[in-house]
Amino acid sequence: MNLKNLFNDFNHSKFVVYFCLLLVSLLFALRLDNIIQWSYWVIFFPIWVWNLLVVSGCIVGSYIWWKNPSYRLEGDSYIQYKAMIISTGMILQLFMFEILVCDKLERDQTLWVFVFIPLIFMSIMSIGICVWAVKHERSFELELFCSVNILQFIFLALRLDEFILWRWVLVFIPLWIVMCVALIGVLYAIILAIILIKSPDIIPEQRRGNVYTAVGYTFLVVPLLIFVVLLANRLDGDTHFLYIAITSPLFISLLTLISMSFGSKGGNHWWFGIRKDFCQFLLNLCPILQEYGNISYKIHRDDVESQHSGDHGNTMRKSDSMHSRKQLIDEQPRPVVPALSIETPD
């Protein structure tokens, strides 16, 4: 386990999002099974925390952006700042949808069609945002998810208001199409990983990376597909499983996404105006983590536990000689250099 690479590739934004979604999914399933009787406003508390972090991060980043005009000339700062504003706008629309959902579940005074209006409008905007993100080489996971599921959101609103009386298996047709495309991508990743393992021209690090990607996508898509199948059967009345059991595959997918966030590079440097990688910012606040982050662990297993007695004696003499040299070197004074970066050796 190389902790240096783990720190460098950590994406804090994705970690917060997926962790909050995991908590909300768990609480919502327990509420549907009547295991807990909390208000839906409390059930969605992790989502409120996520939205609060996004809005406060954008406000602080914008304040630093306008207060220091020189920062705008640093590399692609303008693109990253614009991406932060776009992401905040998307989250605010999602926040409106979440408020309407909680109000609908608590009081049941409006139609689901009106509840889904912010989400449908957000999905339409996501199409243009995806084009902008591709042009400027930015990530667009949330925007892509909303744009490809716009028809699914419309079907859900119409079915919940009983304007259409289709079976839920038919209502989820747009989602089945998306899941089939995702399964094709998973099969492609698995086949590519198998081919590259047998290729002698690929370095071991790339081979491991492709294997990890294939395994990660498999544990992401397959449990998600199982969750949708179980949910459709439960809503149609074909099964009577508890919702906590139905959402168990979803928990596996979310835990996979949380694990993959430790290897997902990227992230916007302008959240809260830190203007650098989150882990680099964290190391500046806590320099003691520098020593921990520069350590790589590797476990070795010796197949041969004993040697010839002559070789053993030579080894012992060499070891004593090396130990004496090391002791002389350690006695020499060394200059102390402050740790400024995770790349600095111990």
Protein backbone atom coordinates (compact mmCIF):
# COMPACT_ATOMS: atom_id res chain seq x y z
CA MET A 1 0.00 0.00 0.00
CA ASN A 2 1.55 3.26 -1.17
CA LEU A 3 0.07 6.00 0.98
CA LYS A 4 1.72 8.74 -1.07
CA ASN A 5 -0.27 7.79 -4.18
CA LEU A 6 -3.35 7.34 -2.01
CA PHE A 7 -3.11 10.92 -0.77
CA ASN A 8 -2.24 12.40 -4.15
CA ASP A 9 -5.15 10.73 -6.00
CA PHE A 10 -7.83 11.31 -3.35
CA ASN A 11 -10.92 13.19 -4.58
CA HIS A 12 -12.54 14.74 -1.53
CA SER A 13 -15.61 16.03 -3.40
CA LYS A 14 -16.66 12.60 -4.60
CA PHE A 15 -16.01 11.11 -1.18
CA VAL A 16 -18.38 13.59 0.50
CA VAL A 17 -21.11 13.11 -2.12
CA TYR A 18 -21.08 9.30 -2.08
CA PHE A 19 -20.82 9.11 1.71
CA CYS A 20 -23.85 11.39 2.12
CA LEU A 21 -25.82 9.37 -0.43
CA LEU A 22 -24.97 6.18 1.44
CA LEU A 23 -26.29 7.59 4.72
CA VAL A 24 -29.48 8.91 3.10
CA SER A 25 -30.15 5.59 1.36
CA LEU A 26 -29.76 3.71 4.62
CA LEU A 27 -32.01 6.07 6.60
CA PHE A 28 -34.63 6.21 3.84
CA ALA A 29 -34.82 2.40 3.63
CA LEU A 30 -35.23 2.14 7.41
CA ARG A 31 -37.98 4.78 7.26
CA LEU A 32 -39.89 2.94 4.53
CA ASP A 33 -39.74 -0.26 6.59
CA ASN A 34 -41.06 1.68 9.63
CA ILE A 35 -38.01 0.65 11.63
CA ILE A 36 -37.51 4.33 12.46
CA GLN A 37 -40.26 6.95 12.59
CA TRP A 38 -38.15 10.04 12.01
CA SER A 39 -39.31 12.99 9.96
CA TYR A 40 -38.20 13.03 6.34
CA TRP A 41 -36.49 16.35 7.02
CA VAL A 42 -34.23 14.46 9.43
CA ILE A 43 -33.80 11.55 7.02
CA PHE A 44 -32.39 13.95 4.42
CA PHE A 45 -30.01 15.60 6.89
CA PRO A 46 -26.82 14.25 5.18
CA ILE A 47 -28.05 15.84 1.94
CA TRP A 48 -28.53 19.16 3.70
CA VAL A 49 -24.96 18.94 5.00
CA TRP A 50 -23.67 18.25 1.48
CA ASN A 51 -25.60 21.20 0.04
CA LEU A 52 -24.39 23.46 2.84
CA LEU A 53 -20.77 22.50 2.13
CA VAL A 54 -21.23 23.24 -1.58
CA VAL A 55 -22.81 26.65 -1.04
CA SER A 56 -20.35 27.74 1.66
CA GLY A 57 -17.41 26.48 -0.41
CA CYS A 58 -18.59 28.48 -3.41
CA ILE A 59 -19.12 31.64 -1.34
CA VAL A 60 -15.65 31.48 0.23
CA GLY A 61 -14.04 30.64 -3.13
CA SER A 62 -15.82 33.53 -4.85
CA TYR A 63 -14.77 35.94 -2.11
CA ILE A 64 -11.12 34.97 -2.53
CA TRP A 65 -11.46 35.10 -6.33
CA TRP A 66 -12.73 38.70 -6.39
CA LYS A 67 -10.49 39.89 -3.57
CA ASN A 68 -7.26 38.69 -5.26
CA PRO A 69 -7.29 39.44 -9.01
CA SER A 70 -3.79 38.02 -9.38
CA TYR A 71 -5.09 34.52 -8.64
CA ARG A 72 -7.13 34.59 -11.85
CA LEU A 73 -3.96 34.31 -13.92
CA GLU A 74 -2.80 31.06 -12.33
CA GLY A 75 -3.02 28.32 -14.96
CA ASP A 76 -6.61 27.26 -15.64
CA SER A 77 -8.03 29.13 -12.63
CA TYR A 78 -10.73 30.76 -14.73
CA ILE A 79 -11.99 27.42 -16.05
CA GLN A 80 -11.98 25.88 -12.57
CA TYR A 81 -13.79 28.84 -11.07
CA LYS A 82 -16.41 28.73 -13.80
CA ALA A 83 -16.83 24.99 -13.25
CA MET A 84 -17.39 25.66 -9.54
CA ILE A 85 -20.12 28.18 -10.30
CA ILE A 86 -21.81 25.74 -12.70
CA SER A 87 -21.66 22.92 -10.14
CA THR A 88 -23.13 25.17 -7.46
CA GLY A 89 -26.01 26.11 -9.76
CA MET A 90 -26.72 22.43 -10.40
CA ILE A 91 -26.64 21.63 -6.69
CA LEU A 92 -29.03 24.51 -5.93
CA GLN A 93 -31.55 23.11 -8.40
CA LEU A 94 -31.12 19.70 -6.83
CA PHE A 95 -31.62 21.33 -3.43
CA MET A 96 -34.98 22.74 -4.58
CA PHE A 97 -36.03 19.29 -5.75
CA GLU A 98 -35.06 17.75 -2.39
CA ILE A 99 -37.07 20.36 -0.47
CA LEU A 100 -40.14 19.67 -2.62
CA VAL A 101 -39.70 15.91 -2.11
CA CYS A 102 -39.56 16.29 1.67
CA ASP A 103 -42.60 18.55 1.64
CA LYS A 104 -44.50 16.07 -0.57
CA LEU A 105 -43.64 13.12 1.69
CA GLU A 106 -44.59 15.02 4.84
CA ARG A 107 -47.79 16.80 3.78
CA ASP A 108 -48.76 15.30 0.38
CA GLN A 109 -50.31 18.54 -0.92
CA THR A 110 -48.74 18.84 -4.38
CA LEU A 111 -48.43 16.68 -7.46
CA TRP A 112 -45.23 14.80 -8.16
CA VAL A 113 -45.11 16.47 -11.58
CA PHE A 114 -44.48 19.82 -9.90
CA VAL A 115 -41.96 18.24 -7.55
CA PHE A 116 -39.90 16.91 -10.49
CA ILE A 117 -39.85 20.24 -12.40
CA PRO A 118 -36.49 21.42 -10.93
CA LEU A 119 -34.94 18.01 -11.64
CA ILE A 120 -36.22 17.95 -15.24
CA PHE A 121 -35.01 21.50 -15.83
CA MET A 122 -31.66 20.53 -14.33
CA SER A 123 -31.47 17.55 -16.70
CA ILE A 124 -32.09 19.77 -19.73
CA MET A 125 -29.33 22.15 -18.65
CA SER A 126 -27.00 19.20 -18.06
CA ILE A 127 -26.87 18.46 -21.80
CA GLY A 128 -25.22 21.81 -22.54
CA ILE A 129 -22.99 21.53 -19.47
CA CYS A 130 -21.73 18.13 -20.66
CA VAL A 131 -20.73 19.69 -23.99
CA TRP A 132 -18.91 22.50 -22.17
CA ALA A 133 -17.16 20.01 -19.86
CA VAL A 134 -15.93 17.90 -22.77
CA LYS A 135 -14.63 21.02 -24.52
CA HIS A 136 -12.67 22.13 -21.43
CA GLU A 137 -11.68 18.62 -20.25
CA ARG A 138 -13.68 18.74 -17.04
CA SER A 139 -15.44 15.86 -15.26
CA PHE A 140 -19.25 15.74 -15.51
CA GLU A 141 -20.57 12.68 -13.64
CA LEU A 142 -23.67 14.36 -12.14
CA GLU A 143 -24.48 16.19 -15.36
CA LEU A 144 -24.16 13.00 -17.41
CA PHE A 145 -26.38 11.09 -14.98
CA CYS A 146 -29.12 13.73 -15.19
CA SER A 147 -28.96 14.17 -18.97
CA VAL A 148 -29.29 10.46 -19.78
CA ASN A 149 -32.14 9.97 -17.28
CA ILE A 150 -34.36 12.90 -18.24
CA LEU A 151 -36.98 10.58 -19.76
CA GLN A 152 -36.83 8.39 -16.66
CA PHE A 153 -37.61 11.36 -14.42
CA ILE A 154 -40.67 12.20 -16.53
CA PHE A 155 -41.94 8.61 -16.36
CA LEU A 156 -41.45 8.55 -12.58
CA ALA A 157 -43.46 11.76 -12.08
CA LEU A 158 -46.32 10.56 -14.29
CA ARG A 159 -46.43 7.12 -12.65
CA LEU A 160 -46.37 8.47 -9.08
CA ASP A 161 -49.32 10.75 -9.91
CA GLU A 162 -51.03 7.80 -11.66
CA PHE A 163 -51.38 9.64 -14.95
CA ILE A 164 -50.01 6.42 -16.41
CA LEU A 165 -50.77 3.03 -14.86
CA TRP A 166 -47.93 1.00 -16.34
CA ARG A 167 -46.14 -1.65 -14.37
CA TRP A 168 -42.96 -0.40 -12.78
CA VAL A 169 -40.92 -2.72 -14.96
CA LEU A 170 -42.15 -0.71 -17.96
CA VAL A 171 -41.65 2.61 -16.17
CA PHE A 172 -37.98 1.73 -15.71
CA ILE A 173 -37.42 1.12 -19.45
CA PRO A 174 -35.11 4.18 -19.86
CA LEU A 175 -33.11 2.94 -16.89
CA TRP A 176 -32.86 -0.57 -18.37
CA ILE A 177 -31.33 0.93 -21.51
CA VAL A 178 -28.75 2.86 -19.47
CA MET A 179 -27.92 -0.23 -17.43
CA CYS A 180 -27.44 -2.32 -20.58
CA VAL A 181 -24.97 0.23 -21.92
CA ALA A 182 -23.18 0.19 -18.56
CA LEU A 183 -22.97 -3.61 -18.63
CA ILE A 184 -21.42 -3.47 -22.10
CA GLY A 185 -18.83 -1.06 -20.71
CA VAL A 186 -18.11 -3.42 -17.82
CA LEU A 187 -17.61 -6.36 -20.19
CA TYR A 188 -15.28 -4.22 -22.31
CA ALA A 189 -13.25 -3.26 -19.20
CA ILE A 190 -12.96 -6.91 -18.12
CA ILE A 191 -11.87 -8.11 -21.56
CA LEU A 192 -9.37 -5.27 -21.88
CA ALA A 193 -7.91 -6.08 -18.44
CA ILE A 194 -7.51 -9.76 -19.39
CA ILE A 195 -5.80 -8.87 -22.68
CA LEU A 196 -3.42 -6.40 -21.05
CA ILE A 197 -2.47 -8.91 -18.35
CA LYS A 198 -1.16 -11.23 -21.07
CA SER A 199 0.60 -8.43 -22.95
CA PRO A 200 4.39 -8.25 -22.29
CA ASP A 201 4.61 -4.62 -23.47
CA ILE A 202 2.55 -3.20 -20.60
CA ILE A 203 4.24 -2.19 -17.38
CA PRO A 204 2.93 -3.83 -14.17
CA GLU A 205 1.48 -0.58 -12.85
CA GLN A 206 -0.76 -0.19 -15.90
CA ARG A 207 -1.84 -3.82 -15.63
CA ARG A 208 -2.86 -3.36 -12.02
CA GLY A 209 -4.67 -0.15 -12.89
CA ASN A 210 -6.77 -1.86 -15.57
CA VAL A 211 -7.57 -4.77 -13.25
CA TYR A 212 -8.65 -2.39 -10.47
CA THR A 213 -10.82 -0.45 -12.93
CA ALA A 214 -12.53 -3.61 -14.20
CA VAL A 215 -13.18 -4.87 -10.67
CA GLY A 216 -14.45 -1.47 -9.53
CA TYR A 217 -16.90 -1.09 -12.42
CA THR A 218 -18.11 -4.64 -11.89
CA PHE A 219 -18.89 -4.03 -8.21
CA LEU A 220 -20.55 -0.75 -9.21
CA VAL A 221 -22.84 -1.77 -12.09
CA VAL A 222 -23.86 -5.34 -11.22
CA PRO A 223 -25.18 -4.57 -7.68
CA LEU A 224 -26.91 -1.47 -9.05
CA LEU A 225 -28.70 -3.58 -11.65
CA ILE A 226 -29.74 -6.08 -8.98
CA PHE A 227 -31.10 -3.20 -6.87
CA VAL A 228 -33.25 -1.87 -9.72
CA VAL A 229 -34.64 -5.35 -10.48
CA LEU A 230 -35.54 -5.96 -6.83
CA LEU A 231 -37.10 -2.50 -6.51
CA ALA A 232 -39.25 -2.94 -9.63
CA ASN A 233 -40.50 -6.32 -8.41
CA ARG A 234 -41.25 -4.89 -4.96
CA LEU A 235 -43.23 -1.94 -6.36
CA ASP A 236 -45.18 -4.24 -8.69
CA GLY A 237 -46.10 -6.49 -5.75
CA ASP A 238 -44.27 -9.55 -7.08
CA THR A 239 -42.10 -9.76 -3.95
CA HIS A 240 -42.43 -8.53 -0.38
CA PHE A 241 -38.82 -8.04 0.68
CA LEU A 242 -37.96 -5.34 3.16
CA TYR A 243 -36.58 -2.17 1.62
CA ILE A 244 -33.42 -2.51 3.68
CA ALA A 245 -32.79 -5.84 1.93
CA ILE A 246 -33.63 -4.39 -1.47
CA THR A 247 -31.20 -1.50 -1.02
CA SER A 248 -28.35 -3.75 0.14
CA PRO A 249 -26.92 -4.04 -3.42
CA LEU A 250 -27.13 -0.24 -3.66
CA PHE A 251 -24.99 0.01 -0.53
CA ILE A 252 -22.36 -2.15 -2.24
CA SER A 253 -22.34 0.19 -5.26
CA LEU A 254 -22.03 3.28 -3.06
CA LEU A 255 -19.24 1.70 -1.01
CA THR A 256 -17.47 0.93 -4.28
CA LEU A 257 -17.80 4.56 -5.35
CA ILE A 258 -16.41 5.67 -1.97
CA SER A 259 -13.44 3.34 -2.42
CA MET A 260 -12.86 4.55 -5.98
CA SER A 261 -12.81 8.17 -4.79
CA PHE A 262 -9.40 7.44 -3.24
CA GLY A 263 -8.03 6.77 -6.71
CA SER A 264 -9.94 9.43 -8.63
CA LYS A 265 -7.70 12.29 -9.57
CA GLY A 266 -9.05 15.74 -10.22
CA GLY A 267 -11.31 17.95 -8.20
CA ASN A 268 -11.78 21.70 -8.27
CA HIS A 269 -9.10 23.77 -6.50
CA TRP A 270 -11.42 26.72 -5.90
CA TRP A 271 -13.74 25.16 -3.34
CA PHE A 272 -13.25 27.27 -0.20
CA GLY A 273 -10.48 29.05 -2.14
CA ILE A 274 -7.74 26.54 -1.23
CA ARG A 275 -6.22 26.89 -4.77
CA LYS A 276 -4.41 23.53 -4.53
CA ASP A 277 -5.08 19.85 -4.10
CA PHE A 278 -7.03 19.04 -0.94
CA CYS A 279 -4.36 16.70 0.40
CA GLN A 280 -1.64 19.28 -0.28
CA PHE A 281 -3.75 21.80 1.62
CA LEU A 282 -4.21 19.28 4.43
CA LEU A 283 -0.46 18.64 4.62
CA ASN A 284 0.20 22.35 4.99
CA LEU A 285 -2.23 22.48 7.90
CA CYS A 286 -0.85 19.29 9.51
CA PRO A 287 2.82 18.86 8.53
CA ILE A 288 3.10 15.78 10.74
CA LEU A 289 1.10 13.86 8.10
CA GLN A 290 4.02 14.42 5.71
CA GLU A 291 6.06 11.66 7.36
CA TYR A 292 3.12 9.24 7.35
CA GLY A 293 2.25 9.92 3.73
CA ASN A 294 5.78 9.24 2.47
CA ILE A 295 5.83 5.67 3.79
CA SER A 296 5.24 2.70 1.49
CA TYR A 297 4.46 -0.68 2.96
CA LYS A 298 5.33 -3.98 1.30
CA ILE A 299 5.03 -7.46 2.79
CA HIS A 300 7.71 -10.00 1.88
CA ARG A 301 7.60 -13.74 2.49
CA ASP A 302 10.82 -15.73 2.55
CA ASP A 303 10.48 -19.18 1.01
CA VAL A 304 13.88 -20.34 2.31
CA GLU A 305 14.21 -20.07 6.07
CA SER A 306 17.65 -21.56 6.53
CA GLN A 307 21.00 -21.34 4.78
CA HIS A 308 24.27 -23.26 4.99
CA SER A 309 26.23 -22.58 8.11
CA GLY A 310 29.14 -21.06 6.15
CA ASP A 311 26.87 -18.69 4.27
CA HIS A 312 25.14 -17.85 7.53
CA GLY A 313 28.44 -16.86 9.12
CA ASN A 314 29.37 -14.65 6.18
CA THR A 315 25.97 -13.02 6.30
CA MET A 316 26.35 -12.29 10.00
CA ARG A 317 29.76 -10.70 9.48
CA LYS A 318 28.45 -8.57 6.64
CA SER A 319 25.48 -7.57 8.75
CA ASP A 320 27.75 -6.50 11.63
CA SER A 321 29.90 -4.50 9.25
CA MET A 322 26.88 -2.75 7.72
CA HIS A 323 25.48 -2.07 11.19
CA SER A 324 28.72 -0.42 12.31
CA ARG A 325 28.81 1.74 9.17
CA LYS A 326 25.19 2.74 9.64
CA GLN A 327 25.94 3.67 13.25
CA LEU A 328 28.82 5.92 12.17
CA ILE A 329 26.62 7.59 9.56
CA ASP A 330 23.77 8.12 12.01
CA GLU A 331 26.14 9.88 14.43
CA GLN A 332 26.88 12.58 11.85
CA PRO A 333 24.75 15.73 12.24
CA ARG A 334 22.16 16.28 9.54
CA PRO A 335 20.41 19.49 8.49
CA VAL A 336 16.67 19.60 9.15
CA VAL A 337 14.59 20.58 6.12
CA PRO A 338 10.89 21.43 6.66
CA ALA A 339 8.43 19.20 4.79
CA LEU A 340 6.60 21.30 2.22
CA SER A 341 5.27 18.69 -0.16
CA ILE A 342 4.25 15.10 -0.08
CA GLU A 343 6.88 14.42 -2.74
CA THR A 344 9.66 15.45 -0.32
CA PRO A 345 11.52 12.31 0.87
CA ASP A 346 11.66 11.51 4.56
